[in-house]
Amino acid sequence: MIPIADKFYRARIMKRRDVSGDLWVIRADPGGEYPFVSGQYATLGVVTPEKHHERAYSIVSAPHEKFLEFFIELVPQGEVTPKLYPFQVGDEITLRKAAKGRFTLDTTSGRTNHLLLATVTGVAPFVSFVRSLYHQGKTSKAAGQNKLFLIDGASRSGELGYREELVRIAADVPWLTYVPTVSRPWGDKSWEGETGRVDDLVRKYSDSWRLTPENTVAYLCGHPTMVENAKGILKRRGWQKEALKEEVYFVPSKVAAAS
């Protein structure tokens, strides 16, 4: 089951960071040129004697970085993550040579505010947005024109895999506002931040940040329930299809892009 060489790279894991028991981050050397736009996804694979198993994963890294980074959740019944979970630094995975996806930052509509709603690994493309703008410079025109407002949700704070990085950048630049939230604070006694599900906070923060359908594009990424609930709230508040983008990481009863 060796993949066709002209369609795949043999990517090598450079670094692994375990976030929790079922969440981890890998950085990989793609094994060749790999152009992409922040918000796109890569297709990773694991070769077994029986089959080449593949799934799509949002890219965390920014296009200027020399590695590809992914934030992955173990899906016990998934086709790929149980096979990928044991992989360590030095192990090889397959990588389709072309990135895909249209979940990218809208810079053409005239809406310069961007409301980013994420659950757990759904923060991945938003971290890529942030890293890309941050790389362009604190005072760059491109960064200054676009303001990002990110609500990042998880059950417990230990699942917020990029909280430290995002807090640090938000404190350093005027164009990023970051609100991490946990939905089960009773199991997270040390947590002193925002509480509640992401969709519970949409009204509160869109009002306090003065985000409107006329000046804001909304992006929803992660768990399908959050995406559907938050999308419904935004639609009732006037957001139309052209100002809404979504990336659902799996659908009920069928493991998809997050497995």
Protein backbone atom coordinates (compact mmCIF):
# COMPACT_ATOMS: atom_id res chain seq x y z
CA MET A 1 0.00 0.00 0.00
CA ILE A 2 2.77 2.50 -0.87
CA PRO A 3 1.19 5.79 -2.09
CA ILE A 4 2.05 7.14 -5.53
CA ALA A 5 5.17 9.30 -5.13
CA ASP A 6 4.09 12.13 -7.43
CA LYS A 7 0.97 12.77 -5.31
CA PHE A 8 2.43 12.41 -1.83
CA TYR A 9 5.31 13.57 0.32
CA ARG A 10 6.81 11.46 3.07
CA ALA A 11 6.50 13.96 5.92
CA ARG A 12 8.55 13.41 9.05
CA ILE A 13 7.43 14.36 12.56
CA MET A 14 9.82 16.93 14.03
CA LYS A 15 8.10 17.64 17.33
CA ARG A 16 5.23 16.32 19.41
CA ARG A 17 3.44 18.10 22.27
CA ASP A 18 0.80 16.29 24.30
CA VAL A 19 -1.90 18.72 25.40
CA SER A 20 -4.08 16.23 27.29
CA GLY A 21 -4.78 12.51 27.24
CA ASP A 22 -6.54 12.68 23.88
CA LEU A 23 -5.20 15.90 22.37
CA TRP A 24 -1.77 16.44 20.88
CA VAL A 25 0.16 18.70 18.53
CA ILE A 26 2.63 17.57 15.90
CA ARG A 27 5.04 19.55 13.77
CA ALA A 28 6.20 17.89 10.59
CA ASP A 29 8.77 18.53 7.90
CA PRO A 30 6.55 18.27 4.81
CA GLY A 31 9.33 16.74 2.73
CA GLY A 32 9.08 19.31 -0.06
CA GLU A 33 7.58 22.63 -1.09
CA TYR A 34 4.13 23.04 0.41
CA PRO A 35 2.40 26.33 -0.44
CA PHE A 36 -0.88 27.05 1.31
CA VAL A 37 -3.08 29.88 2.59
CA SER A 38 -3.95 30.26 6.26
CA GLY A 39 -7.21 28.43 6.93
CA GLN A 40 -6.60 25.61 4.48
CA TYR A 41 -6.18 21.95 5.37
CA ALA A 42 -3.71 19.20 4.57
CA THR A 43 -4.45 15.52 4.05
CA LEU A 44 -2.33 13.27 6.26
CA GLY A 45 -2.08 9.52 6.03
CA VAL A 46 -0.84 6.42 7.78
CA VAL A 47 0.22 3.39 5.75
CA THR A 48 -0.64 -0.05 7.10
CA PRO A 49 -0.18 -3.43 5.39
CA GLU A 50 -3.89 -3.45 4.58
CA LYS A 51 -4.62 0.13 3.57
CA HIS A 52 -3.49 3.73 3.25
CA HIS A 53 -5.64 5.60 5.80
CA GLU A 54 -6.14 9.36 5.24
CA ARG A 55 -7.93 12.31 6.79
CA ALA A 56 -7.91 16.08 6.39
CA TYR A 57 -6.56 18.30 9.19
CA SER A 58 -6.58 22.08 9.42
CA ILE A 59 -3.10 23.57 9.32
CA VAL A 60 -2.07 25.45 12.47
CA SER A 61 1.18 26.83 11.12
CA ALA A 62 1.37 29.97 8.99
CA PRO A 63 2.59 29.91 5.38
CA HIS A 64 5.93 31.52 6.25
CA GLU A 65 6.84 28.77 8.72
CA LYS A 66 9.11 25.97 7.52
CA PHE A 67 7.05 23.23 9.11
CA LEU A 68 3.45 22.06 9.13
CA GLU A 69 1.69 21.96 12.49
CA PHE A 70 -1.52 20.15 13.43
CA PHE A 71 -3.71 20.04 16.55
CA ILE A 72 -5.29 16.60 16.70
CA GLU A 73 -7.93 14.91 18.85
CA LEU A 74 -7.99 11.17 19.35
CA VAL A 75 -11.24 9.69 18.06
CA PRO A 76 -11.30 6.14 19.48
CA GLN A 77 -13.45 4.77 16.67
CA GLY A 78 -11.82 6.89 13.96
CA GLU A 79 -9.97 5.48 11.00
CA VAL A 80 -6.81 7.55 11.33
CA THR A 81 -6.24 9.03 14.79
CA PRO A 82 -5.90 5.72 16.68
CA LYS A 83 -3.18 4.76 14.19
CA LEU A 84 -1.55 8.20 14.26
CA TYR A 85 -1.63 8.63 18.03
CA PRO A 86 1.42 6.42 18.79
CA PHE A 87 3.64 8.27 16.29
CA GLN A 88 6.62 10.08 17.76
CA VAL A 89 9.46 12.33 16.58
CA GLY A 90 11.17 10.77 13.56
CA ASP A 91 8.17 8.76 12.37
CA GLU A 92 6.87 9.30 8.85
CA ILE A 93 3.36 10.04 7.65
CA THR A 94 2.06 10.66 4.17
CA LEU A 95 1.09 14.14 3.03
CA ARG A 96 -0.85 14.91 -0.13
CA LYS A 97 1.11 17.57 -2.00
CA ALA A 98 -1.74 20.05 -2.38
CA ALA A 99 -3.45 21.97 0.42
CA LYS A 100 -7.16 22.59 -0.04
CA GLY A 101 -10.02 24.53 1.47
CA ARG A 102 -11.73 27.91 1.32
CA PHE A 103 -11.94 28.62 5.06
CA THR A 104 -9.62 31.57 4.61
CA LEU A 105 -9.59 35.14 5.88
CA ASP A 106 -11.97 37.33 3.90
CA THR A 107 -9.99 40.39 2.82
CA THR A 108 -12.17 41.44 -0.13
CA SER A 109 -15.68 42.07 1.24
CA GLY A 110 -14.84 45.32 3.00
CA ARG A 111 -15.71 43.79 6.38
CA THR A 112 -12.55 44.26 8.41
CA ASN A 113 -13.77 42.69 11.66
CA HIS A 114 -13.50 38.91 11.94
CA LEU A 115 -15.40 36.99 14.62
CA LEU A 116 -13.69 33.63 15.15
CA LEU A 117 -15.60 30.94 17.06
CA ALA A 118 -13.78 27.70 17.91
CA THR A 119 -14.05 24.59 20.01
CA VAL A 120 -10.89 22.68 21.01
CA THR A 121 -9.03 21.65 17.81
CA GLY A 122 -11.23 24.03 15.83
CA VAL A 123 -8.87 26.81 16.88
CA ALA A 124 -6.27 25.46 14.42
CA PRO A 125 -7.02 27.63 11.36
CA PHE A 126 -7.43 30.69 13.56
CA VAL A 127 -3.98 30.24 15.03
CA SER A 128 -2.71 30.21 11.45
CA PHE A 129 -4.55 33.51 10.81
CA VAL A 130 -2.97 35.03 13.90
CA ARG A 131 0.55 33.80 13.20
CA SER A 132 0.37 35.03 9.63
CA LEU A 133 -0.77 38.54 10.58
CA TYR A 134 1.67 38.69 13.47
CA HIS A 135 4.52 37.80 11.13
CA GLN A 136 3.62 40.70 8.88
CA GLY A 137 4.47 43.03 11.75
CA LYS A 138 2.70 44.77 14.56
CA THR A 139 2.22 47.94 12.53
CA SER A 140 1.77 46.44 9.10
CA LYS A 141 -1.06 47.70 6.97
CA ALA A 142 -2.45 44.22 6.41
CA ALA A 143 -2.67 43.45 10.11
CA GLY A 144 -4.04 46.86 11.04
CA GLN A 145 -6.93 46.67 8.62
CA ASN A 146 -8.12 43.34 9.98
CA LYS A 147 -9.22 42.92 13.57
CA LEU A 148 -9.66 39.41 14.93
CA PHE A 149 -12.03 38.59 17.81
CA LEU A 150 -11.55 35.00 18.93
CA ILE A 151 -13.72 33.01 21.36
CA ASP A 152 -11.96 29.71 22.06
CA GLY A 153 -13.97 27.10 23.94
CA ALA A 154 -13.29 23.76 25.61
CA SER A 155 -14.68 21.67 28.44
CA ARG A 156 -11.61 22.36 30.61
CA SER A 157 -8.74 24.80 30.36
CA GLY A 158 -6.24 21.99 29.75
CA GLU A 159 -7.83 21.45 26.35
CA LEU A 160 -7.09 25.00 25.19
CA GLY A 161 -3.97 23.98 23.33
CA TYR A 162 -2.90 27.45 22.15
CA ARG A 163 -4.10 29.64 25.02
CA GLU A 164 -0.66 30.77 26.14
CA GLU A 165 0.43 31.74 22.63
CA LEU A 166 -2.80 33.59 21.89
CA VAL A 167 -2.81 35.44 25.22
CA ARG A 168 0.76 36.54 24.59
CA ILE A 169 0.07 37.82 21.08
CA ALA A 170 -3.19 39.52 22.09
CA ALA A 171 -1.28 41.44 24.77
CA ASP A 172 1.24 42.56 22.17
CA VAL A 173 -0.95 43.77 19.30
CA PRO A 174 -4.10 45.89 19.02
CA TRP A 175 -5.80 43.79 16.34
CA LEU A 176 -6.34 40.55 18.30
CA THR A 177 -8.88 40.10 21.09
CA TYR A 178 -8.86 36.66 22.66
CA VAL A 179 -11.40 35.13 25.05
CA PRO A 180 -10.85 31.54 26.18
CA THR A 181 -13.82 29.89 27.88
CA VAL A 182 -14.51 26.59 29.65
CA SER A 183 -17.91 24.94 29.77
CA ARG A 184 -17.26 22.71 32.81
CA PRO A 185 -15.67 25.03 35.36
CA TRP A 186 -16.72 22.79 38.26
CA GLY A 187 -14.07 20.34 37.10
CA ASP A 188 -11.46 23.07 36.67
CA LYS A 189 -11.10 24.67 40.09
CA SER A 190 -8.12 26.86 39.18
CA TRP A 191 -9.89 28.47 36.22
CA GLU A 192 -10.67 32.16 36.73
CA GLY A 193 -11.58 33.12 33.17
CA GLU A 194 -14.80 33.15 31.16
CA THR A 195 -17.21 30.23 31.51
CA GLY A 196 -19.89 28.82 29.26
CA ARG A 197 -20.16 27.32 25.82
CA VAL A 198 -19.00 29.33 22.84
CA ASP A 199 -22.52 29.67 21.45
CA ASP A 200 -23.73 30.95 24.84
CA LEU A 201 -21.28 33.85 24.57
CA VAL A 202 -21.91 34.98 21.00
CA ARG A 203 -24.53 37.60 21.85
CA LYS A 204 -22.62 39.00 24.82
CA TYR A 205 -19.34 39.52 23.02
CA SER A 206 -20.62 40.52 19.59
CA ASP A 207 -22.52 43.30 21.35
CA SER A 208 -19.62 44.40 23.58
CA TRP A 209 -17.25 44.38 20.60
CA ARG A 210 -19.83 46.22 18.44
CA LEU A 211 -19.71 43.60 15.73
CA THR A 212 -22.47 43.81 13.14
CA PRO A 213 -23.33 41.97 9.92
CA GLU A 214 -22.22 45.06 8.03
CA ASN A 215 -18.70 45.22 9.47
CA THR A 216 -17.95 41.61 10.46
CA VAL A 217 -17.39 38.22 8.89
CA ALA A 218 -18.03 35.29 11.24
CA TYR A 219 -16.05 32.05 11.10
CA LEU A 220 -17.18 28.93 12.96
CA CYS A 221 -14.91 25.93 13.38
CA GLY A 222 -15.08 22.76 15.43
CA HIS A 223 -17.88 20.75 16.96
CA PRO A 224 -21.02 20.58 14.77
CA THR A 225 -23.38 21.46 17.61
CA MET A 226 -21.49 24.68 18.34
CA VAL A 227 -21.36 25.52 14.65
CA GLU A 228 -25.09 25.01 14.14
CA ASN A 229 -26.13 26.81 17.33
CA ALA A 230 -23.83 29.78 16.80
CA LYS A 231 -24.74 30.04 13.12
CA GLY A 232 -28.43 30.13 14.07
CA ILE A 233 -27.80 32.91 16.58
CA LEU A 234 -25.83 34.95 14.06
CA LYS A 235 -28.44 34.49 11.34
CA ARG A 236 -31.16 35.71 13.69
CA ARG A 237 -28.98 38.75 14.36
CA GLY A 238 -28.77 39.57 10.67
CA TRP A 239 -25.71 37.74 9.35
CA GLN A 240 -26.24 36.50 5.82
CA LYS A 241 -24.57 33.61 4.04
CA GLU A 242 -21.87 35.76 2.44
CA ALA A 243 -20.65 36.88 5.90
CA LEU A 244 -20.60 33.39 7.45
CA LYS A 245 -17.94 30.73 7.02
CA GLU A 246 -17.96 27.33 8.69
CA GLU A 247 -15.73 24.30 9.05
CA VAL A 248 -17.36 21.33 10.78
CA TYR A 249 -14.81 18.82 12.09
CA PHE A 250 -17.15 15.84 12.10
CA VAL A 251 -20.82 15.08 11.65
CA PRO A 252 -22.89 13.05 14.14
CA SER A 253 -22.55 9.28 13.65
CA LYS A 254 -19.93 9.74 10.95
CA VAL A 255 -16.33 10.69 11.66
CA ALA A 256 -15.02 13.12 9.04
CA ALA A 257 -12.32 15.77 8.93
CA ALA A 258 -11.33 15.55 12.59
CA SER A 259 -10.79 11.81 12.78
